[in-house]
Amino acid sequence: MVSQMTATPPASAPATRWSRRKDVRPGEILEAALKLFVEKGFRATKMEDIAREAGVTKGTPYLYYENKEEIFKAVIREGMLTKFDELEGLSGQDEASAETRLRQVIYRWWESIGNTRLAGLSKLMIAEAANFPELASFYHAEVIVRCRNMVRHVLEEGVERGEFHILNMDHAVEIVIAPLLLAMVWKHSFHNFESAKFDMPAHLDNVLDILINGLKTR
């Protein structure tokens, strides 16, 4: 079956979904997996479902990934963690105030993760962490800890510069992250049942005003 996928179809053959995917790449499989993980959940998604969504034969995903767990980890590494690299780059803007950097991190976070299908992975892991502890541990180490460290870095800079006054840094980090986490979970649970369109940019403006006013040194 794999050899059929790599063969060049005759010129007269119709441009079917299968012939267009003769040069399948891992990225196509990861895109299909992310879509299904978010829509169906991790347990309900099968390897053959991922292959079907990607438009390849059942055995093709196994050419790149050993199992569904490895596909999930690759989705995190190739999708979400690359976004974190970009977000962390904002910390290098030494001329900007801590308030400006915090706003940039939050807005960019929402644009690159929260407002995309990647946000659905937060809801997925909350729902299925107890059933898949090994994946939950991976997600915690690679995503949650890194998120906390990124926010902590900005807040600590604010304290060092005298911009922020924080009594407990661990609590402050969680308080900053919580509104984003809730927004991502809500987007992939109850958002479609609301009659009015939720204005996330305006919501973030209000969240940041409240947070920063609470953080600022008086």
Protein backbone atom coordinates (compact mmCIF):
# COMPACT_ATOMS: atom_id res chain seq x y z
CA MET A 1 0.00 0.00 0.00
CA VAL A 2 2.80 2.44 0.81
CA SER A 3 4.41 1.84 -2.61
CA GLN A 4 1.14 2.78 -4.26
CA MET A 5 1.23 6.09 -2.39
CA THR A 6 4.65 6.96 -3.78
CA ALA A 7 3.99 5.94 -7.38
CA THR A 8 3.39 8.71 -9.92
CA PRO A 9 -0.15 8.47 -11.33
CA PRO A 10 -0.62 8.53 -15.11
CA ALA A 11 -1.30 11.90 -16.69
CA SER A 12 -4.88 10.95 -17.43
CA ALA A 13 -5.65 9.94 -13.82
CA PRO A 14 -8.03 12.23 -11.91
CA ALA A 15 -6.49 14.37 -9.13
CA THR A 16 -7.89 12.38 -6.23
CA ARG A 17 -7.20 13.08 -2.56
CA TRP A 18 -4.89 10.06 -2.46
CA SER A 19 -2.76 11.04 -5.47
CA ARG A 20 -2.32 14.57 -4.13
CA ARG A 21 -0.84 13.12 -0.92
CA LYS A 22 1.83 10.95 -2.54
CA ASP A 23 4.54 12.97 -0.76
CA VAL A 24 2.92 12.96 2.68
CA ARG A 25 4.83 14.81 5.38
CA PRO A 26 4.72 14.37 9.17
CA GLY A 27 3.21 17.85 9.45
CA GLU A 28 0.06 16.73 7.65
CA ILE A 29 -0.33 13.85 10.08
CA LEU A 30 0.15 16.17 13.05
CA GLU A 31 -2.42 18.64 11.73
CA ALA A 32 -4.93 15.82 11.34
CA ALA A 33 -4.14 14.47 14.81
CA LEU A 34 -4.54 17.88 16.46
CA LYS A 35 -7.94 18.35 14.82
CA LEU A 36 -9.16 14.95 16.00
CA PHE A 37 -7.68 15.21 19.51
CA VAL A 38 -9.49 18.50 20.04
CA GLU A 39 -12.78 17.35 18.50
CA LYS A 40 -12.97 13.76 19.81
CA GLY A 41 -10.52 13.57 22.70
CA PHE A 42 -7.38 11.51 23.01
CA ARG A 43 -8.96 8.20 24.00
CA ALA A 44 -11.56 8.27 21.23
CA THR A 45 -9.06 9.11 18.48
CA LYS A 46 -7.57 6.05 16.76
CA MET A 47 -4.50 5.81 14.58
CA GLU A 48 -6.67 4.87 11.61
CA ASP A 49 -8.79 7.99 12.24
CA ILE A 50 -5.66 10.13 12.01
CA ALA A 51 -4.61 8.41 8.78
CA ARG A 52 -8.07 8.91 7.27
CA GLU A 53 -8.16 12.60 8.26
CA ALA A 54 -4.68 13.11 6.78
CA GLY A 55 -5.72 11.35 3.57
CA VAL A 56 -3.16 8.55 3.80
CA THR A 57 -3.23 4.78 4.22
CA LYS A 58 -3.61 3.22 7.66
CA GLY A 59 0.03 2.30 7.92
CA THR A 60 1.49 5.66 6.91
CA PRO A 61 1.46 7.31 10.38
CA TYR A 62 3.53 4.39 11.68
CA LEU A 63 6.29 5.31 9.24
CA TYR A 64 6.86 8.45 11.31
CA TYR A 65 5.50 7.73 14.79
CA GLU A 66 5.50 4.61 16.90
CA ASN A 67 2.03 5.13 18.38
CA LYS A 68 -0.67 7.67 19.17
CA GLU A 69 1.14 8.84 22.30
CA GLU A 70 4.18 9.80 20.25
CA ILE A 71 1.97 11.68 17.81
CA PHE A 72 0.48 13.63 20.70
CA LYS A 73 3.94 14.57 21.97
CA ALA A 74 4.97 15.63 18.48
CA VAL A 75 1.87 17.82 18.22
CA ILE A 76 2.95 19.56 21.43
CA ARG A 77 6.59 19.93 20.39
CA GLU A 78 6.00 21.02 16.80
CA GLY A 79 2.93 23.13 17.46
CA MET A 80 2.85 24.62 20.92
CA LEU A 81 6.50 24.66 21.99
CA THR A 82 7.63 26.47 18.86
CA LYS A 83 5.18 29.23 19.79
CA PHE A 84 6.74 29.44 23.24
CA ASP A 85 10.13 30.04 21.62
CA GLU A 86 8.68 33.11 19.93
CA LEU A 87 6.97 34.34 23.09
CA GLU A 88 10.11 33.98 25.17
CA GLY A 89 11.93 36.13 22.64
CA LEU A 90 9.89 39.08 23.83
CA SER A 91 11.83 39.07 27.10
CA GLY A 92 14.89 40.30 25.27
CA GLN A 93 13.39 43.74 24.72
CA ASP A 94 15.23 45.43 27.58
CA GLU A 95 14.04 48.91 26.64
CA ALA A 96 10.40 47.97 27.24
CA SER A 97 8.80 48.22 30.66
CA ALA A 98 7.70 45.08 32.51
CA GLU A 99 4.10 46.19 32.04
CA THR A 100 4.59 46.42 28.28
CA ARG A 101 6.27 43.02 28.14
CA LEU A 102 3.52 41.41 30.20
CA ARG A 103 0.89 42.81 27.88
CA GLN A 104 2.85 41.63 24.84
CA VAL A 105 3.23 38.11 26.20
CA ILE A 106 -0.47 37.82 27.05
CA TYR A 107 -1.70 39.20 23.71
CA ARG A 108 0.76 37.14 21.66
CA TRP A 109 -0.07 34.06 23.71
CA TRP A 110 -3.72 34.44 22.82
CA GLU A 111 -3.03 35.15 19.15
CA SER A 112 -0.62 32.25 18.61
CA ILE A 113 -2.13 29.64 20.97
CA GLY A 114 -5.37 30.67 22.68
CA ASN A 115 -7.16 31.66 19.51
CA THR A 116 -6.11 28.54 17.61
CA ARG A 117 -6.93 24.85 17.71
CA LEU A 118 -3.92 24.38 20.02
CA ALA A 119 -5.99 25.89 22.83
CA GLY A 120 -8.18 22.81 22.78
CA LEU A 121 -5.30 20.75 24.15
CA SER A 122 -5.67 22.49 27.51
CA LYS A 123 -9.26 21.31 27.81
CA LEU A 124 -8.26 17.86 26.58
CA MET A 125 -5.54 17.43 29.20
CA ILE A 126 -7.74 18.68 32.04
CA ALA A 127 -10.38 16.14 31.02
CA GLU A 128 -8.06 13.18 30.37
CA ALA A 129 -5.05 13.71 32.64
CA ALA A 130 -6.16 11.08 35.14
CA ASN A 131 -6.63 8.50 32.38
CA PHE A 132 -3.24 9.13 30.77
CA PRO A 133 -0.81 10.07 33.56
CA GLU A 134 2.28 9.66 31.38
CA LEU A 135 0.98 12.14 28.84
CA ALA A 136 -0.20 14.43 31.63
CA SER A 137 3.30 14.39 33.11
CA PHE A 138 4.76 15.22 29.69
CA TYR A 139 2.29 18.09 29.20
CA HIS A 140 2.96 19.41 32.69
CA ALA A 141 6.74 19.42 32.19
CA GLU A 142 6.79 20.74 28.63
CA VAL A 143 3.86 23.17 28.64
CA ILE A 144 2.68 24.12 32.13
CA VAL A 145 6.10 24.53 33.72
CA ARG A 146 7.38 26.48 30.73
CA CYS A 147 4.34 28.77 30.78
CA ARG A 148 4.88 29.47 34.46
CA ASN A 149 8.58 30.20 33.96
CA MET A 150 7.84 32.57 31.09
CA VAL A 151 5.35 34.60 33.14
CA ARG A 152 7.56 34.43 36.22
CA HIS A 153 10.48 35.91 34.29
CA VAL A 154 8.45 38.97 33.28
CA LEU A 155 7.06 39.45 36.80
CA GLU A 156 10.47 39.10 38.42
CA GLU A 157 11.89 41.72 36.07
CA GLY A 158 9.06 44.02 37.10
CA VAL A 159 9.90 43.51 40.77
CA GLU A 160 13.62 44.10 40.17
CA ARG A 161 12.88 47.36 38.36
CA GLY A 162 10.54 48.52 41.10
CA GLU A 163 7.50 48.43 38.79
CA PHE A 164 5.68 45.56 40.50
CA HIS A 165 5.07 44.74 44.14
CA ILE A 166 4.41 41.00 44.63
CA LEU A 167 4.05 39.31 48.00
CA ASN A 168 4.04 35.74 46.69
CA MET A 169 5.52 35.10 43.24
CA ASP A 170 4.08 31.56 42.89
CA HIS A 171 0.56 32.84 43.50
CA ALA A 172 1.06 35.81 41.19
CA VAL A 173 2.14 33.56 38.31
CA GLU A 174 -0.98 31.39 38.70
CA ILE A 175 -3.24 34.45 38.91
CA VAL A 176 -1.84 35.84 35.65
CA ILE A 177 -2.23 32.52 33.82
CA ALA A 178 -5.69 31.63 35.16
CA PRO A 179 -7.79 33.99 32.95
CA LEU A 180 -6.07 32.72 29.81
CA LEU A 181 -6.54 29.10 30.79
CA LEU A 182 -10.22 29.65 31.54
CA ALA A 183 -10.71 31.47 28.23
CA MET A 184 -9.13 28.60 26.29
CA VAL A 185 -11.23 25.98 28.06
CA TRP A 186 -14.40 28.05 27.60
CA LYS A 187 -13.67 28.53 23.89
CA HIS A 188 -13.67 24.76 23.41
CA SER A 189 -16.65 23.95 25.63
CA PHE A 190 -19.48 26.50 26.04
CA HIS A 191 -18.52 29.19 23.57
CA ASN A 192 -20.72 27.80 20.78
CA PHE A 193 -23.80 27.88 23.01
CA GLU A 194 -23.68 31.63 23.60
CA SER A 195 -25.82 33.90 21.48
CA ALA A 196 -23.48 36.90 21.62
CA LYS A 197 -19.99 36.74 20.14
CA PHE A 198 -17.40 36.99 22.90
CA ASP A 199 -15.01 39.90 22.40
CA MET A 200 -11.73 38.34 23.53
CA PRO A 201 -9.49 41.37 22.80
CA ALA A 202 -11.73 43.55 24.97
CA HIS A 203 -11.77 40.85 27.62
CA LEU A 204 -7.97 40.71 27.65
CA ASP A 205 -7.80 44.49 27.94
CA ASN A 206 -9.93 44.36 31.08
CA VAL A 207 -8.07 41.39 32.53
CA LEU A 208 -4.71 43.10 32.03
CA ASP A 209 -5.93 46.39 33.49
CA ILE A 210 -7.06 44.59 36.64
CA LEU A 211 -3.89 42.49 36.90
CA ILE A 212 -1.43 45.31 36.24
CA ASN A 213 -3.19 47.73 38.59
CA GLY A 214 -2.87 45.05 41.27
CA LEU A 215 0.79 44.42 40.49
CA LYS A 216 1.99 48.00 40.30
CA THR A 217 4.07 49.43 43.12
CA ARG A 218 2.14 52.04 45.08
